[in-house]
């Protein structure tokens, strides 16, 4: 099973995917359990990988930076320009009425959405 990764690693990474780790697995037991040994080995590999990854230090990000990034991208992802446009007044109303943010917090959030310091 593991030779698949050896043969395909360069292709995967050239496609822009750079995994933290990898395991090659068999996900079915097959007809009349023809691949049961590989399946059980694969199950152990996945459990071991998750145990290792789960014991690592978790990724952490400042909540307000994360939320500002999310809000910056949401209009592009979910709403058309006609629906929301780039009208700050509409966004301010949405944040205060629908999200129940205080006006000061909504204004600060809109400023962070426009700022370049929270960009990827």
PDB file of N, CA and C in Angstrom:
ATOM      1  N   UNK A   1       0.815  -1.202   0.000  1.00  0.00           N
ATOM      2  CA  UNK A   1       0.000   0.000   0.000  1.00  0.00           C
ATOM      3  C   UNK A   1       0.855   1.261   0.000  1.00  0.00           C
ATOM      4  N   UNK A   2       1.933   1.252   0.755  1.00  0.00           N
ATOM      5  CA  UNK A   2       2.713   2.475   0.936  1.00  0.00           C
ATOM      6  C   UNK A   2       3.475   2.912  -0.306  1.00  0.00           C
ATOM      7  N   UNK A   3       3.639   2.034  -1.260  1.00  0.00           N
ATOM      8  CA  UNK A   3       4.371   2.429  -2.456  1.00  0.00           C
ATOM      9  C   UNK A   3       3.595   3.449  -3.298  1.00  0.00           C
ATOM     10  N   UNK A   4       2.270   3.553  -3.107  1.00  0.00           N
ATOM     11  CA  UNK A   4       1.489   4.559  -3.832  1.00  0.00           C
ATOM     12  C   UNK A   4       2.028   5.953  -3.528  1.00  0.00           C
ATOM     13  N   UNK A   5       2.274   6.223  -2.248  1.00  0.00           N
ATOM     14  CA  UNK A   5       2.769   7.547  -1.858  1.00  0.00           C
ATOM     15  C   UNK A   5       4.145   7.802  -2.458  1.00  0.00           C
ATOM     16  N   UNK A   6       4.999   6.822  -2.446  1.00  0.00           N
ATOM     17  CA  UNK A   6       6.336   6.974  -3.027  1.00  0.00           C
ATOM     18  C   UNK A   6       6.234   7.349  -4.500  1.00  0.00           C
ATOM     19  N   UNK A   7       5.336   6.704  -5.224  1.00  0.00           N
ATOM     20  CA  UNK A   7       5.179   6.978  -6.657  1.00  0.00           C
ATOM     21  C   UNK A   7       4.480   8.313  -6.936  1.00  0.00           C
ATOM     22  N   UNK A   8       3.615   8.780  -6.048  1.00  0.00           N
ATOM     23  CA  UNK A   8       2.758   9.928  -6.350  1.00  0.00           C
ATOM     24  C   UNK A   8       3.038  11.182  -5.529  1.00  0.00           C
ATOM     25  N   UNK A   9       3.968  11.128  -4.607  1.00  0.00           N
ATOM     26  CA  UNK A   9       4.240  12.272  -3.724  1.00  0.00           C
ATOM     27  C   UNK A   9       4.549  13.538  -4.517  1.00  0.00           C
ATOM     28  N   UNK A  10       5.452  13.465  -5.476  1.00  0.00           N
ATOM     29  CA  UNK A  10       5.845  14.653  -6.247  1.00  0.00           C
ATOM     30  C   UNK A  10       4.652  15.236  -6.993  1.00  0.00           C
ATOM     31  N   UNK A  11       3.831  14.379  -7.584  1.00  0.00           N
ATOM     32  CA  UNK A  11       2.654  14.858  -8.315  1.00  0.00           C
ATOM     33  C   UNK A  11       1.680  15.578  -7.380  1.00  0.00           C
ATOM     34  N   UNK A  12       1.441  15.010  -6.211  1.00  0.00           N
ATOM     35  CA  UNK A  12       0.533  15.618  -5.237  1.00  0.00           C
ATOM     36  C   UNK A  12       1.068  16.979  -4.805  1.00  0.00           C
ATOM     37  N   UNK A  13       2.346  17.054  -4.465  1.00  0.00           N
ATOM     38  CA  UNK A  13       2.932  18.314  -4.002  1.00  0.00           C
ATOM     39  C   UNK A  13       3.015  19.339  -5.130  1.00  0.00           C
ATOM     40  N   UNK A  14       3.261  18.902  -6.369  1.00  0.00           N
ATOM     41  CA  UNK A  14       3.266  19.820  -7.507  1.00  0.00           C
ATOM     42  C   UNK A  14       1.878  20.386  -7.783  1.00  0.00           C
ATOM     43  N   UNK A  15       0.850  19.706  -7.311  1.00  0.00           N
ATOM     44  CA  UNK A  15      -0.527  20.188  -7.460  1.00  0.00           C
ATOM     45  C   UNK A  15      -0.889  21.194  -6.377  1.00  0.00           C
ATOM     46  N   UNK A  16       0.047  21.495  -5.490  1.00  0.00           N
ATOM     47  CA  UNK A  16      -0.205  22.486  -4.451  1.00  0.00           C
ATOM     48  C   UNK A  16      -0.630  21.913  -3.122  1.00  0.00           C
ATOM     49  N   UNK A  17      -0.688  20.600  -3.003  1.00  0.00           N
ATOM     50  CA  UNK A  17      -1.071  19.957  -1.748  1.00  0.00           C
ATOM     51  C   UNK A  17       0.204  19.510  -1.048  1.00  0.00           C
ATOM     52  N   UNK A  18       0.453  20.096   0.115  1.00  0.00           N
ATOM     53  CA  UNK A  18       1.631  19.709   0.881  1.00  0.00           C
ATOM     54  C   UNK A  18       1.144  19.193   2.237  1.00  0.00           C
ATOM     55  N   UNK A  19       0.945  17.883   2.343  1.00  0.00           N
ATOM     56  CA  UNK A  19       0.376  17.342   3.572  1.00  0.00           C
ATOM     57  C   UNK A  19       1.344  17.399   4.750  1.00  0.00           C
ATOM     58  N   UNK A  20       0.759  17.497   5.920  1.00  0.00           N
ATOM     59  CA  UNK A  20       1.534  17.450   7.158  1.00  0.00           C
ATOM     60  C   UNK A  20       2.039  16.036   7.376  1.00  0.00           C
ATOM     61  N   UNK A  21       1.189  15.086   7.034  1.00  0.00           N
ATOM     62  CA  UNK A  21       1.529  13.676   7.131  1.00  0.00           C
ATOM     63  C   UNK A  21       0.644  12.923   6.148  1.00  0.00           C
ATOM     64  N   UNK A  22       0.872  11.654   6.023  1.00  0.00           N
ATOM     65  CA  UNK A  22       0.063  10.845   5.120  1.00  0.00           C
ATOM     66  C   UNK A  22       0.126   9.402   5.546  1.00  0.00           C
ATOM     67  N   UNK A  23      -0.912   8.669   5.190  1.00  0.00           N
ATOM     68  CA  UNK A  23      -0.911   7.219   5.316  1.00  0.00           C
ATOM     69  C   UNK A  23      -1.651   6.667   4.104  1.00  0.00           C
ATOM     70  N   UNK A  24      -1.162   5.590   3.568  1.00  0.00           N
ATOM     71  CA  UNK A  24      -1.834   4.900   2.467  1.00  0.00           C
ATOM     72  C   UNK A  24      -2.657   3.791   3.087  1.00  0.00           C
ATOM     73  N   UNK A  25      -3.945   3.757   2.737  1.00  0.00           N
ATOM     74  CA  UNK A  25      -4.852   2.820   3.401  1.00  0.00           C
ATOM     75  C   UNK A  25      -5.752   2.102   2.406  1.00  0.00           C
ATOM     76  N   UNK A  26      -6.340   1.030   2.895  1.00  0.00           N
ATOM     77  CA  UNK A  26      -7.396   0.311   2.200  1.00  0.00           C
ATOM     78  C   UNK A  26      -8.667   0.540   3.004  1.00  0.00           C
ATOM     79  N   UNK A  27      -9.719   1.043   2.335  1.00  0.00           N
ATOM     80  CA  UNK A  27     -10.921   1.440   3.067  1.00  0.00           C
ATOM     81  C   UNK A  27     -12.048   0.417   3.036  1.00  0.00           C
ATOM     82  N   UNK A  28     -11.855  -0.683   2.336  1.00  0.00           N
ATOM     83  CA  UNK A  28     -12.883  -1.732   2.306  1.00  0.00           C
ATOM     84  C   UNK A  28     -12.245  -3.089   2.578  1.00  0.00           C
ATOM     85  N   UNK A  29     -13.050  -3.980   3.101  1.00  0.00           N
ATOM     86  CA  UNK A  29     -12.561  -5.335   3.356  1.00  0.00           C
ATOM     87  C   UNK A  29     -12.583  -6.183   2.092  1.00  0.00           C
ATOM     88  N   UNK A  30     -13.363  -5.760   1.095  1.00  0.00           N
ATOM     89  CA  UNK A  30     -13.415  -6.481  -0.163  1.00  0.00           C
ATOM     90  C   UNK A  30     -14.405  -7.626  -0.138  1.00  0.00           C
ATOM     91  N   UNK A  31     -14.603  -8.195  -1.308  1.00  0.00           N
ATOM     92  CA  UNK A  31     -15.514  -9.322  -1.450  1.00  0.00           C
ATOM     93  C   UNK A  31     -14.997 -10.508  -0.641  1.00  0.00           C
ATOM     94  N   UNK A  32     -15.857 -11.025   0.206  1.00  0.00           N
ATOM     95  CA  UNK A  32     -15.515 -12.144   1.091  1.00  0.00           C
ATOM     96  C   UNK A  32     -14.252 -11.851   1.904  1.00  0.00           C
ATOM     97  N   UNK A  33     -14.115 -10.595   2.317  1.00  0.00           N
ATOM     98  CA  UNK A  33     -12.994 -10.144   3.174  1.00  0.00           C
ATOM     99  C   UNK A  33     -11.624 -10.369   2.546  1.00  0.00           C
ATOM    100  N   UNK A  34     -11.547 -10.234   1.243  1.00  0.00           N
ATOM    101  CA  UNK A  34     -10.278 -10.462   0.541  1.00  0.00           C
ATOM    102  C   UNK A  34      -9.182  -9.508   1.007  1.00  0.00           C
ATOM    103  N   UNK A  35      -9.560  -8.318   1.447  1.00  0.00           N
ATOM    104  CA  UNK A  35      -8.570  -7.314   1.874  1.00  0.00           C
ATOM    105  C   UNK A  35      -8.650  -7.030   3.375  1.00  0.00           C
ATOM    106  N   UNK A  36      -9.187  -7.969   4.129  1.00  0.00           N
ATOM    107  CA  UNK A  36      -9.384  -7.727   5.559  1.00  0.00           C
ATOM    108  C   UNK A  36      -8.073  -7.402   6.277  1.00  0.00           C
ATOM    109  N   UNK A  37      -6.993  -8.100   5.971  1.00  0.00           N
ATOM    110  CA  UNK A  37      -5.710  -7.816   6.626  1.00  0.00           C
ATOM    111  C   UNK A  37      -5.253  -6.388   6.343  1.00  0.00           C
ATOM    112  N   UNK A  38      -5.344  -5.979   5.082  1.00  0.00           N
ATOM    113  CA  UNK A  38      -4.966  -4.602   4.720  1.00  0.00           C
ATOM    114  C   UNK A  38      -5.894  -3.588   5.398  1.00  0.00           C
ATOM    115  N   UNK A  39      -7.181  -3.923   5.448  1.00  0.00           N
ATOM    116  CA  UNK A  39      -8.147  -3.043   6.086  1.00  0.00           C
ATOM    117  C   UNK A  39      -7.807  -2.845   7.565  1.00  0.00           C
ATOM    118  N   UNK A  40      -7.529  -3.923   8.280  1.00  0.00           N
ATOM    119  CA  UNK A  40      -7.193  -3.834   9.709  1.00  0.00           C
ATOM    120  C   UNK A  40      -5.871  -3.082   9.914  1.00  0.00           C
ATOM    121  N   UNK A  41      -4.902  -3.327   9.040  1.00  0.00           N
ATOM    122  CA  UNK A  41      -3.635  -2.583   9.098  1.00  0.00           C
ATOM    123  C   UNK A  41      -3.897  -1.090   8.859  1.00  0.00           C
ATOM    124  N   UNK A  42      -4.749  -0.792   7.911  1.00  0.00           N
ATOM    125  CA  UNK A  42      -5.083   0.597   7.597  1.00  0.00           C
ATOM    126  C   UNK A  42      -5.774   1.276   8.768  1.00  0.00           C
ATOM    127  N   UNK A  43      -6.657   0.566   9.387  1.00  0.00           N
ATOM    128  CA  UNK A  43      -7.370   1.119  10.548  1.00  0.00           C
ATOM    129  C   UNK A  43      -6.386   1.517  11.651  1.00  0.00           C
ATOM    130  N   UNK A  44      -5.408   0.659  11.898  1.00  0.00           N
ATOM    131  CA  UNK A  44      -4.394   0.959  12.903  1.00  0.00           C
ATOM    132  C   UNK A  44      -3.565   2.175  12.480  1.00  0.00           C
ATOM    133  N   UNK A  45      -3.201   2.247  11.187  1.00  0.00           N
ATOM    134  CA  UNK A  45      -2.427   3.390  10.690  1.00  0.00           C
ATOM    135  C   UNK A  45      -3.168   4.712  10.909  1.00  0.00           C
ATOM    136  N   UNK A  46      -4.456   4.706  10.598  1.00  0.00           N
ATOM    137  CA  UNK A  46      -5.245   5.937  10.758  1.00  0.00           C
ATOM    138  C   UNK A  46      -5.349   6.309  12.229  1.00  0.00           C
ATOM    139  N   UNK A  47      -5.603   5.344  13.087  1.00  0.00           N
ATOM    140  CA  UNK A  47      -5.682   5.623  14.527  1.00  0.00           C
ATOM    141  C   UNK A  47      -4.357   6.171  15.049  1.00  0.00           C
ATOM    142  N   UNK A  48      -3.261   5.561  14.636  1.00  0.00           N
ATOM    143  CA  UNK A  48      -1.940   6.028  15.082  1.00  0.00           C
ATOM    144  C   UNK A  48      -1.672   7.448  14.589  1.00  0.00           C
ATOM    145  N   UNK A  49      -2.005   7.723  13.319  1.00  0.00           N
ATOM    146  CA  UNK A  49      -1.790   9.056  12.769  1.00  0.00           C
ATOM    147  C   UNK A  49      -2.622  10.086  13.531  1.00  0.00           C
ATOM    148  N   UNK A  50      -3.882   9.779  13.798  1.00  0.00           N
ATOM    149  CA  UNK A  50      -4.739  10.717  14.527  1.00  0.00           C
ATOM    150  C   UNK A  50      -4.254  10.926  15.952  1.00  0.00           C
ATOM    151  N   UNK A  51      -3.728   9.882  16.565  1.00  0.00           N
ATOM    152  CA  UNK A  51      -3.185  10.012  17.920  1.00  0.00           C
ATOM    153  C   UNK A  51      -1.992  10.971  17.926  1.00  0.00           C
ATOM    154  N   UNK A  52      -1.109  10.824  16.954  1.00  0.00           N
ATOM    155  CA  UNK A  52       0.066  11.701  16.859  1.00  0.00           C
ATOM    156  C   UNK A  52      -0.364  13.141  16.571  1.00  0.00           C
ATOM    157  N   UNK A  53      -1.226  13.313  15.585  1.00  0.00           N
ATOM    158  CA  UNK A  53      -1.672  14.661  15.236  1.00  0.00           C
ATOM    159  C   UNK A  53      -2.477  15.299  16.366  1.00  0.00           C
ATOM    160  N   UNK A  54      -3.264  14.493  17.052  1.00  0.00           N
ATOM    161  CA  UNK A  54      -4.073  15.006  18.153  1.00  0.00           C
ATOM    162  C   UNK A  54      -3.267  15.401  19.365  1.00  0.00           C
ATOM    163  N   UNK A  55      -2.060  14.892  19.488  1.00  0.00           N
ATOM    164  CA  UNK A  55      -1.236  15.229  20.655  1.00  0.00           C
ATOM    165  C   UNK A  55      -0.356  16.451  20.396  1.00  0.00           C
ATOM    166  N   UNK A  56      -0.362  16.955  19.167  1.00  0.00           N
ATOM    167  CA  UNK A  56       0.447  18.128  18.838  1.00  0.00           C
ATOM    168  C   UNK A  56      -0.207  19.393  19.384  1.00  0.00           C
ATOM    169  N   UNK A  57       0.571  20.445  19.460  1.00  0.00           N
ATOM    170  CA  UNK A  57       0.068  21.744  19.914  1.00  0.00           C
ATOM    171  C   UNK A  57      -0.979  22.246  18.912  1.00  0.00           C
ATOM    172  N   UNK A  58      -2.175  22.602  19.380  1.00  0.00           N
ATOM    173  CA  UNK A  58      -3.210  23.040  18.441  1.00  0.00           C
ATOM    174  C   UNK A  58      -2.877  24.393  17.818  1.00  0.00           C
ATOM    175  N   UNK A  59      -3.373  24.592  16.608  1.00  0.00           N
ATOM    176  CA  UNK A  59      -3.214  25.870  15.934  1.00  0.00           C
ATOM    177  C   UNK A  59      -4.081  26.890  16.649  1.00  0.00           C
ATOM    178  N   UNK A  60      -3.564  28.070  16.840  1.00  0.00           N
ATOM    179  CA  UNK A  60      -4.307  29.106  17.539  1.00  0.00           C
ATOM    180  C   UNK A  60      -4.276  30.386  16.730  1.00  0.00           C
ATOM    181  N   UNK A  61      -5.402  31.090  16.719  1.00  0.00           N
ATOM    182  CA  UNK A  61      -5.485  32.358  16.013  1.00  0.00           C
ATOM    183  C   UNK A  61      -6.319  33.313  16.851  1.00  0.00           C
ATOM    184  N   UNK A  62      -5.936  34.576  16.844  1.00  0.00           N
ATOM    185  CA  UNK A  62      -6.696  35.609  17.525  1.00  0.00           C
ATOM    186  C   UNK A  62      -8.124  35.609  16.980  1.00  0.00           C
ATOM    187  N   UNK A  63      -9.111  35.543  17.859  1.00  0.00           N
ATOM    188  CA  UNK A  63     -10.506  35.422  17.453  1.00  0.00           C
ATOM    189  C   UNK A  63     -10.947  36.601  16.596  1.00  0.00           C
ATOM    190  N   UNK A  64     -10.582  37.810  16.980  1.00  0.00           N
ATOM    191  CA  UNK A  64     -11.043  38.963  16.203  1.00  0.00           C
ATOM    192  C   UNK A  64     -10.407  38.985  14.814  1.00  0.00           C
ATOM    193  N   UNK A  65      -9.158  38.532  14.681  1.00  0.00           N
ATOM    194  CA  UNK A  65      -8.540  38.449  13.354  1.00  0.00           C
ATOM    195  C   UNK A  65      -9.247  37.418  12.498  1.00  0.00           C
ATOM    196  N   UNK A  66      -9.564  36.276  13.103  1.00  0.00           N
ATOM    197  CA  UNK A  66     -10.265  35.229  12.376  1.00  0.00           C
ATOM    198  C   UNK A  66     -11.631  35.726  11.920  1.00  0.00           C
ATOM    199  N   UNK A  67     -12.350  36.378  12.812  1.00  0.00           N
ATOM    200  CA  UNK A  67     -13.689  36.849  12.483  1.00  0.00           C
ATOM    201  C   UNK A  67     -13.634  37.938  11.414  1.00  0.00           C
ATOM    202  N   UNK A  68     -12.640  38.809  11.498  1.00  0.00           N
ATOM    203  CA  UNK A  68     -12.484  39.847  10.479  1.00  0.00           C
ATOM    204  C   UNK A  68     -12.216  39.217   9.116  1.00  0.00           C
ATOM    205  N   UNK A  69     -11.380  38.209   9.055  1.00  0.00           N
ATOM    206  CA  UNK A  69     -11.107  37.513   7.787  1.00  0.00           C
ATOM    207  C   UNK A  69     -12.376  36.858   7.246  1.00  0.00           C
ATOM    208  N   UNK A  70     -13.111  36.213   8.132  1.00  0.00           N
ATOM    209  CA  UNK A  70     -14.353  35.567   7.734  1.00  0.00           C
ATOM    210  C   UNK A  70     -15.332  36.585   7.163  1.00  0.00           C
ATOM    211  N   UNK A  71     -15.492  37.690   7.846  1.00  0.00           N
ATOM    212  CA  UNK A  71     -16.425  38.718   7.380  1.00  0.00           C
ATOM    213  C   UNK A  71     -15.959  39.348   6.078  1.00  0.00           C
ATOM    214  N   UNK A  72     -14.682  39.465   5.893  1.00  0.00           N
ATOM    215  CA  UNK A  72     -14.146  40.033   4.651  1.00  0.00           C
ATOM    216  C   UNK A  72     -14.465  39.114   3.470  1.00  0.00           C
ATOM    217  N   UNK A  73     -14.402  37.812   3.699  1.00  0.00           N
ATOM    218  CA  UNK A  73     -14.621  36.863   2.620  1.00  0.00           C
ATOM    219  C   UNK A  73     -16.086  36.508   2.386  1.00  0.00           C
ATOM    220  N   UNK A  74     -16.911  36.637   3.398  1.00  0.00           N
ATOM    221  CA  UNK A  74     -18.310  36.246   3.250  1.00  0.00           C
ATOM    222  C   UNK A  74     -19.037  36.955   2.114  1.00  0.00           C
ATOM    223  N   UNK A  75     -18.914  38.272   1.975  1.00  0.00           N
ATOM    224  CA  UNK A  75     -19.618  38.906   0.851  1.00  0.00           C
ATOM    225  C   UNK A  75     -19.212  38.315  -0.495  1.00  0.00           C
ATOM    226  N   UNK A  76     -17.958  37.990  -0.650  1.00  0.00           N
ATOM    227  CA  UNK A  76     -17.491  37.405  -1.904  1.00  0.00           C
ATOM    228  C   UNK A  76     -18.015  35.992  -2.092  1.00  0.00           C
ATOM    229  N   UNK A  77     -18.129  35.253  -0.999  1.00  0.00           N
ATOM    230  CA  UNK A  77     -18.521  33.857  -1.099  1.00  0.00           C
ATOM    231  C   UNK A  77     -20.024  33.644  -1.122  1.00  0.00           C
ATOM    232  N   UNK A  78     -20.747  34.440  -0.359  1.00  0.00           N
ATOM    233  CA  UNK A  78     -22.160  34.151  -0.165  1.00  0.00           C
ATOM    234  C   UNK A  78     -23.132  35.141  -0.796  1.00  0.00           C
ATOM    235  N   UNK A  79     -22.732  36.374  -0.892  1.00  0.00           N
ATOM    236  CA  UNK A  79     -23.667  37.396  -1.327  1.00  0.00           C
ATOM    237  C   UNK A  79     -23.219  38.027  -2.634  1.00  0.00           C
ATOM    238  N   UNK A  80     -24.149  38.316  -3.489  1.00  0.00           N
ATOM    239  CA  UNK A  80     -23.802  39.003  -4.726  1.00  0.00           C
ATOM    240  C   UNK A  80     -23.599  40.478  -4.442  1.00  0.00           C
ATOM    241  N   UNK A  81     -22.965  41.170  -5.341  1.00  0.00           N
ATOM    242  CA  UNK A  81     -22.736  42.605  -5.185  1.00  0.00           C
ATOM    243  C   UNK A  81     -24.055  43.360  -5.092  1.00  0.00           C
ATOM    244  N   UNK A  82     -25.077  42.906  -5.813  1.00  0.00           N
ATOM    245  CA  UNK A  82     -26.384  43.580  -5.763  1.00  0.00           C
ATOM    246  C   UNK A  82     -27.014  43.458  -4.389  1.00  0.00           C
ATOM    247  N   UNK A  83     -26.871  42.277  -3.768  1.00  0.00           N
ATOM    248  CA  UNK A  83     -27.509  42.040  -2.485  1.00  0.00           C
ATOM    249  C   UNK A  83     -26.908  42.911  -1.394  1.00  0.00           C
ATOM    250  N   UNK A  84     -25.608  42.949  -1.321  1.00  0.00           N
ATOM    251  CA  UNK A  84     -24.949  43.669  -0.237  1.00  0.00           C
ATOM    252  C   UNK A  84     -24.102  44.810  -0.753  1.00  0.00           C
ATOM    253  N   UNK A  85     -23.513  44.612  -1.909  1.00  0.00           N
ATOM    254  CA  UNK A  85     -22.609  45.629  -2.415  1.00  0.00           C
ATOM    255  C   UNK A  85     -21.462  45.818  -1.448  1.00  0.00           C
ATOM    256  N   UNK A  86     -20.841  46.950  -1.522  1.00  0.00           N
ATOM    257  CA  UNK A  86     -19.776  47.255  -0.570  1.00  0.00           C
ATOM    258  C   UNK A  86     -20.244  48.340   0.384  1.00  0.00           C
ATOM    259  N   UNK A  87     -21.571  48.456   0.564  1.00  0.00           N
ATOM    260  CA  UNK A  87     -22.146  49.477   1.420  1.00  0.00           C
ATOM    261  C   UNK A  87     -21.846  49.179   2.889  1.00  0.00           C
ATOM    262  N   UNK A  88     -21.081  50.039   3.487  1.00  0.00           N
ATOM    263  CA  UNK A  88     -20.749  49.872   4.901  1.00  0.00           C
ATOM    264  C   UNK A  88     -21.973  50.089   5.784  1.00  0.00           C
ATOM    265  N   UNK A  89     -22.890  50.955   5.361  1.00  0.00           N
ATOM    266  CA  UNK A  89     -24.093  51.194   6.158  1.00  0.00           C
ATOM    267  C   UNK A  89     -24.944  49.926   6.232  1.00  0.00           C
ATOM    268  N   UNK A  90     -25.069  49.218   5.100  1.00  0.00           N
ATOM    269  CA  UNK A  90     -25.823  47.968   5.103  1.00  0.00           C
ATOM    270  C   UNK A  90     -25.142  46.943   6.000  1.00  0.00           C
ATOM    271  N   UNK A  91     -23.812  46.857   5.887  1.00  0.00           N
ATOM    272  CA  UNK A  91     -23.084  45.896   6.720  1.00  0.00           C
ATOM    273  C   UNK A  91     -23.188  46.267   8.192  1.00  0.00           C
ATOM    274  N   UNK A  92     -23.125  47.564   8.485  1.00  0.00           N
ATOM    275  CA  UNK A  92     -23.234  48.012   9.871  1.00  0.00           C
ATOM    276  C   UNK A  92     -24.606  47.647  10.437  1.00  0.00           C
ATOM    277  N   UNK A  93     -25.653  47.887   9.660  1.00  0.00           N
ATOM    278  CA  UNK A  93     -27.004  47.521  10.107  1.00  0.00           C
ATOM    279  C   UNK A  93     -27.111  46.008  10.320  1.00  0.00           C
ATOM    280  N   UNK A  94     -26.546  45.238   9.405  1.00  0.00           N
ATOM    281  CA  UNK A  94     -26.605  43.783   9.512  1.00  0.00           C
ATOM    282  C   UNK A  94     -25.892  43.308  10.782  1.00  0.00           C
ATOM    283  N   UNK A  95     -24.730  43.869  11.037  1.00  0.00           N
ATOM    284  CA  UNK A  95     -23.957  43.454  12.215  1.00  0.00           C
ATOM    285  C   UNK A  95     -24.638  43.852  13.521  1.00  0.00           C
ATOM    286  N   UNK A  96     -25.271  45.023  13.543  1.00  0.00           N
ATOM    287  CA  UNK A  96     -25.908  45.468  14.783  1.00  0.00           C
ATOM    288  C   UNK A  96     -27.272  44.823  14.992  1.00  0.00           C
ATOM    289  N   UNK A  97     -28.044  44.684  13.929  1.00  0.00           N
ATOM    290  CA  UNK A  97     -29.410  44.138  14.079  1.00  0.00           C
ATOM    291  C   UNK A  97     -29.423  42.607  14.092  1.00  0.00           C
ATOM    292  N   UNK A  98     -28.818  41.988  13.082  1.00  0.00           N
ATOM    293  CA  UNK A  98     -28.875  40.527  12.974  1.00  0.00           C
ATOM    294  C   UNK A  98     -27.895  39.830  13.899  1.00  0.00           C
ATOM    295  N   UNK A  99     -26.706  40.426  14.063  1.00  0.00           N
ATOM    296  CA  UNK A  99     -25.672  39.775  14.875  1.00  0.00           C
ATOM    297  C   UNK A  99     -25.631  40.298  16.307  1.00  0.00           C
ATOM    298  N   UNK A 100     -26.454  41.305  16.580  1.00  0.00           N
ATOM    299  CA  UNK A 100     -26.533  41.901  17.927  1.00  0.00           C
ATOM    300  C   UNK A 100     -25.201  42.430  18.443  1.00  0.00           C
ATOM    301  N   UNK A 101     -24.363  42.928  17.530  1.00  0.00           N
ATOM    302  CA  UNK A 101     -23.117  43.560  17.975  1.00  0.00           C
ATOM    303  C   UNK A 101     -23.404  44.985  18.416  1.00  0.00           C
ATOM    304  N   UNK A 102     -22.643  45.472  19.389  1.00  0.00           N
ATOM    305  CA  UNK A 102     -22.733  46.883  19.740  1.00  0.00           C
ATOM    306  C   UNK A 102     -22.213  47.687  18.564  1.00  0.00           C
ATOM    307  N   UNK A 103     -22.719  48.893  18.384  1.00  0.00           N
ATOM    308  CA  UNK A 103     -22.334  49.696  17.231  1.00  0.00           C
ATOM    309  C   UNK A 103     -20.821  49.916  17.207  1.00  0.00           C
ATOM    310  N   UNK A 104     -20.224  50.178  18.367  1.00  0.00           N
ATOM    311  CA  UNK A 104     -18.772  50.412  18.426  1.00  0.00           C
ATOM    312  C   UNK A 104     -18.004  49.183  17.941  1.00  0.00           C
ATOM    313  N   UNK A 105     -18.469  47.995  18.359  1.00  0.00           N
ATOM    314  CA  UNK A 105     -17.809  46.756  17.938  1.00  0.00           C
ATOM    315  C   UNK A 105     -17.984  46.520  16.441  1.00  0.00           C
ATOM    316  N   UNK A 106     -19.173  46.812  15.928  1.00  0.00           N
ATOM    317  CA  UNK A 106     -19.429  46.637  14.496  1.00  0.00           C
ATOM    318  C   UNK A 106     -18.550  47.577  13.676  1.00  0.00           C
ATOM    319  N   UNK A 107     -18.424  48.826  14.121  1.00  0.00           N
ATOM    320  CA  UNK A 107     -17.570  49.798  13.410  1.00  0.00           C
ATOM    321  C   UNK A 107     -16.127  49.319  13.421  1.00  0.00           C
ATOM    322  N   UNK A 108     -15.647  48.863  14.576  1.00  0.00           N
ATOM    323  CA  UNK A 108     -14.273  48.372  14.684  1.00  0.00           C
ATOM    324  C   UNK A 108     -14.069  47.151  13.780  1.00  0.00           C
ATOM    325  N   UNK A 109     -15.043  46.265  13.742  1.00  0.00           N
ATOM    326  CA  UNK A 109     -14.947  45.088  12.880  1.00  0.00           C
ATOM    327  C   UNK A 109     -14.875  45.499  11.416  1.00  0.00           C
ATOM    328  N   UNK A 110     -15.710  46.430  10.986  1.00  0.00           N
ATOM    329  CA  UNK A 110     -15.670  46.896   9.602  1.00  0.00           C
ATOM    330  C   UNK A 110     -14.324  47.523   9.264  1.00  0.00           C
ATOM    331  N   UNK A 111     -13.740  48.233  10.215  1.00  0.00           N
ATOM    332  CA  UNK A 111     -12.405  48.800   9.986  1.00  0.00           C
ATOM    333  C   UNK A 111     -11.373  47.697   9.820  1.00  0.00           C
ATOM    334  N   UNK A 112     -11.490  46.640  10.618  1.00  0.00           N
ATOM    335  CA  UNK A 112     -10.549  45.522  10.504  1.00  0.00           C
ATOM    336  C   UNK A 112     -10.740  44.765   9.200  1.00  0.00           C
ATOM    337  N   UNK A 113     -11.983  44.663   8.738  1.00  0.00           N
ATOM    338  CA  UNK A 113     -12.250  43.989   7.466  1.00  0.00           C
ATOM    339  C   UNK A 113     -11.534  44.720   6.339  1.00  0.00           C
ATOM    340  N   UNK A 114     -11.534  46.039   6.401  1.00  0.00           N
ATOM    341  CA  UNK A 114     -10.888  46.840   5.357  1.00  0.00           C
ATOM    342  C   UNK A 114      -9.383  46.961   5.520  1.00  0.00           C
ATOM    343  N   UNK A 115      -8.887  46.675   6.722  1.00  0.00           N
ATOM    344  CA  UNK A 115      -7.453  46.879   6.952  1.00  0.00           C
ATOM    345  C   UNK A 115      -6.630  45.822   6.257  1.00  0.00           C
ATOM    346  N   UNK A 116      -5.399  46.127   5.985  1.00  0.00           N
ATOM    347  CA  UNK A 116      -4.501  45.190   5.314  1.00  0.00           C
ATOM    348  C   UNK A 116      -3.739  44.333   6.313  1.00  0.00           C
ATOM    349  N   UNK A 117      -3.758  44.678   7.584  1.00  0.00           N
ATOM    350  CA  UNK A 117      -2.946  43.939   8.546  1.00  0.00           C
ATOM    351  C   UNK A 117      -3.465  42.538   8.837  1.00  0.00           C
ATOM    352  N   UNK A 118      -4.730  42.272   8.582  1.00  0.00           N
ATOM    353  CA  UNK A 118      -5.278  40.934   8.830  1.00  0.00           C
ATOM    354  C   UNK A 118      -5.323  40.089   7.560  1.00  0.00           C
ATOM    355  N   UNK A 119      -4.733  40.548   6.487  1.00  0.00           N
ATOM    356  CA  UNK A 119      -4.764  39.788   5.224  1.00  0.00           C
ATOM    357  C   UNK A 119      -3.933  38.526   5.361  1.00  0.00           C
ATOM    358  N   UNK A 120      -4.257  37.521   4.543  1.00  0.00           N
ATOM    359  CA  UNK A 120      -3.525  36.251   4.547  1.00  0.00           C
ATOM    360  C   UNK A 120      -2.124  36.470   4.065  1.00  0.00           C
TER     361      UNK A 120
END
